[in-house]
Amino acid sequence: MKIFEINPGLFIWSVITFLILVAVLYKYAFNPLMKLQKERQDEIHQSIVGAEQLRNEAQELLANYKRQMAEARHESEAILERARKLGETSKADILEEARVQAETTLARAREQIERDTSQALQKIREEVADLTIAATEKVTRKSLTAGDHLQLIQEAIDEIDLSKVSDN
């Protein structure tokens, strides 16, 4: 028995069996495997196309988001600017109103001072007149008539320098 001996009958039957096995495998195993591989390639290709579409949509959403953020930032800056201008306008209005009220109060105070000064001067005149009458009565020791009273009052008023009193 030889280990490496070639038997032509066995060789032919081995080749025929091998070819039948390859044909059966090609028909029943290789074609279905190739079909599964093709389907898997198609799935992968579809996944890649879907991923690219999702990436494009994501980029569009990102660009849209960035644009909306820029618009929101611009709008918030515009709102802040309007608020600042409104604040400045309100401040100016309040200051103007306060100035007008201060001037009005000052004018009223001046009018009140003038009225009070006039009243005080009038009282001083009356007091001077009464004192003059009292002093004249004491000096003359007699009662004066109404005409004498008026004449003495007028002379006393003419002698008093009221401008010195009003300057104080």
Protein backbone atom coordinates (compact mmCIF):
# COMPACT_ATOMS: atom_id res chain seq x y z
CA MET A 1 0.00 0.00 0.00
CA LYS A 2 1.47 3.14 -1.16
CA ILE A 3 0.56 6.40 0.39
CA PHE A 4 1.05 8.66 -2.59
CA GLU A 5 -0.24 6.41 -5.30
CA ILE A 6 -2.71 7.86 -7.83
CA ASN A 7 -5.64 5.72 -8.77
CA PRO A 8 -7.22 7.05 -12.00
CA GLY A 9 -10.73 5.72 -11.22
CA LEU A 10 -10.71 7.17 -7.74
CA PHE A 11 -9.32 10.43 -9.09
CA ILE A 12 -12.11 10.78 -11.68
CA TRP A 13 -14.81 9.94 -9.17
CA SER A 14 -13.29 12.39 -6.70
CA VAL A 15 -13.24 15.14 -9.34
CA ILE A 16 -16.85 14.37 -10.38
CA THR A 17 -17.97 14.39 -6.74
CA PHE A 18 -16.11 17.64 -6.16
CA LEU A 19 -17.73 19.26 -9.21
CA ILE A 20 -21.20 18.05 -8.19
CA LEU A 21 -20.57 19.38 -4.69
CA VAL A 22 -19.44 22.75 -6.10
CA ALA A 23 -22.52 22.90 -8.38
CA VAL A 24 -24.87 22.04 -5.51
CA LEU A 25 -23.14 24.55 -3.23
CA TYR A 26 -23.22 27.18 -5.99
CA LYS A 27 -26.92 26.65 -6.57
CA TYR A 28 -28.11 26.21 -3.00
CA ALA A 29 -25.50 27.95 -0.87
CA PHE A 30 -23.43 30.44 -2.90
CA ASN A 31 -26.36 32.21 -4.64
CA PRO A 32 -28.34 32.66 -1.39
CA LEU A 33 -25.17 33.86 0.35
CA MET A 34 -24.48 36.31 -2.45
CA LYS A 35 -28.10 37.41 -2.30
CA LEU A 36 -27.81 38.00 1.50
CA GLN A 37 -24.54 39.86 0.98
CA LYS A 38 -26.16 42.07 -1.70
CA GLU A 39 -29.13 42.78 0.62
CA ARG A 40 -26.73 43.65 3.44
CA GLN A 41 -24.80 45.99 1.12
CA ASP A 42 -28.08 47.65 0.11
CA GLU A 43 -29.05 48.08 3.79
CA ILE A 44 -25.67 49.61 4.59
CA HIS A 45 -25.93 51.90 1.56
CA GLN A 46 -29.45 52.97 2.64
CA SER A 47 -28.17 53.57 6.18
CA ILE A 48 -25.34 55.73 4.83
CA VAL A 49 -27.77 57.72 2.65
CA GLY A 50 -30.14 58.11 5.62
CA ALA A 51 -27.27 59.21 7.87
CA GLU A 52 -26.20 61.80 5.30
CA GLN A 53 -29.77 63.08 5.07
CA LEU A 54 -29.96 63.29 8.87
CA ARG A 55 -26.60 65.07 8.96
CA ASN A 56 -27.83 67.57 6.33
CA GLU A 57 -31.05 68.11 8.28
CA ALA A 58 -29.03 68.56 11.47
CA GLN A 59 -26.81 71.13 9.74
CA GLU A 60 -29.90 72.96 8.49
CA LEU A 61 -31.40 72.89 11.99
CA LEU A 62 -28.12 74.16 13.43
CA ALA A 63 -27.97 76.98 10.89
CA ASN A 64 -31.62 77.81 11.60
CA TYR A 65 -30.93 77.74 15.35
CA LYS A 66 -27.92 80.02 14.93
CA ARG A 67 -29.98 82.41 12.80
CA GLN A 68 -32.79 82.43 15.37
CA MET A 69 -30.28 83.04 18.17
CA ALA A 70 -28.78 85.94 16.23
CA GLU A 71 -32.26 87.36 15.63
CA ALA A 72 -33.15 86.91 19.31
CA ARG A 73 -29.90 88.60 20.36
CA HIS A 74 -30.56 91.46 17.96
CA GLU A 75 -34.14 91.78 19.19
CA SER A 76 -33.05 91.74 22.84
CA GLU A 77 -30.47 94.44 22.09
CA ALA A 78 -33.19 96.50 20.40
CA ILE A 79 -35.49 96.02 23.41
CA LEU A 80 -32.71 97.07 25.77
CA GLU A 81 -31.96 100.13 23.63
CA ARG A 82 -35.65 101.11 23.61
CA ALA A 83 -35.81 100.61 27.38
CA ARG A 84 -32.69 102.73 27.86
CA LYS A 85 -34.09 105.50 25.67
CA LEU A 86 -37.44 105.30 27.47
CA GLY A 87 -35.59 105.52 30.79
CA GLU A 88 -33.65 108.56 29.63
CA THR A 89 -36.84 110.19 28.35
CA SER A 90 -38.62 109.43 31.61
CA LYS A 91 -35.68 110.79 33.57
CA ALA A 92 -35.69 113.99 31.52
CA ASP A 93 -39.48 114.32 31.94
CA ILE A 94 -39.24 113.77 35.70
CA LEU A 95 -36.40 116.29 36.01
CA GLU A 96 -38.34 118.86 33.94
CA GLU A 97 -41.46 118.30 36.02
CA ALA A 98 -39.45 118.68 39.23
CA ARG A 99 -37.87 121.88 37.91
CA VAL A 100 -41.29 123.29 36.99
CA GLN A 101 -42.69 122.34 40.41
CA ALA A 102 -39.69 123.92 42.13
CA GLU A 103 -40.15 127.12 40.16
CA THR A 104 -43.87 127.12 40.95
CA THR A 105 -43.17 126.55 44.64
CA LEU A 106 -40.54 129.27 44.63
CA ALA A 107 -42.94 131.70 42.92
CA ARG A 108 -45.65 130.91 45.49
CA ALA A 109 -43.15 131.39 48.30
CA ARG A 110 -42.12 134.78 46.88
CA GLU A 111 -45.77 135.82 46.58
CA GLN A 112 -46.40 134.69 50.16
CA ILE A 113 -43.32 136.60 51.34
CA GLU A 114 -44.52 139.72 49.53
CA ARG A 115 -47.99 139.38 51.09
CA ASP A 116 -46.50 138.77 54.52
CA THR A 117 -44.15 141.74 54.05
CA SER A 118 -47.03 143.97 52.98
CA GLN A 119 -49.09 142.85 55.97
CA ALA A 120 -46.15 143.38 58.31
CA LEU A 121 -45.53 146.86 56.89
CA GLN A 122 -49.22 147.65 57.25
CA LYS A 123 -49.14 146.52 60.88
CA ILE A 124 -45.98 148.55 61.47
CA ARG A 125 -47.71 151.61 60.02
CA GLU A 126 -50.69 151.03 62.26
CA GLU A 127 -48.44 150.53 65.31
CA VAL A 128 -46.43 153.65 64.44
CA ALA A 129 -49.64 155.59 64.02
CA ASP A 130 -50.98 154.34 67.36
CA LEU A 131 -47.67 155.08 69.08
CA THR A 132 -47.52 158.50 67.50
CA ILE A 133 -51.04 159.26 68.68
CA ALA A 134 -50.25 157.98 72.17
CA ALA A 135 -47.03 159.97 72.32
CA THR A 136 -48.70 163.08 70.99
CA GLU A 137 -51.51 162.78 73.52
CA LYS A 138 -49.02 162.41 76.30
CA VAL A 139 -47.01 165.33 75.08
CA THR A 140 -49.96 167.63 74.61
CA ARG A 141 -52.04 166.08 77.35
CA LYS A 142 -55.06 166.61 75.41
CA SER A 143 -57.21 164.63 73.06
CA LEU A 144 -56.85 165.33 69.43
CA THR A 145 -59.61 165.56 66.90
CA ALA A 146 -59.93 163.05 64.05
CA GLY A 147 -58.34 165.50 61.60
CA ASP A 148 -55.41 166.05 63.97
CA HIS A 149 -54.98 162.31 64.22
CA LEU A 150 -54.85 161.90 60.45
CA GLN A 151 -52.40 164.75 60.06
CA LEU A 152 -50.09 163.36 62.72
CA ILE A 153 -50.29 159.83 61.25
CA GLN A 154 -49.43 161.12 57.80
CA GLU A 155 -46.47 163.09 59.15
CA ALA A 156 -45.18 160.05 61.06
CA ILE A 157 -45.49 157.82 58.02
CA ASP A 158 -43.67 160.32 55.85
CA GLU A 159 -40.83 160.49 58.39
CA ILE A 160 -40.35 156.69 58.57
CA ASP A 161 -38.08 155.25 55.86
CA LEU A 162 -39.90 152.01 54.98
CA SER A 163 -37.33 151.09 52.34
CA LYS A 164 -34.87 150.22 55.13
CA VAL A 165 -37.43 147.89 56.69
CA SER A 166 -38.23 146.07 53.42
CA ASP A 167 -34.51 145.57 52.55
CA ASN A 168 -33.94 143.51 55.69
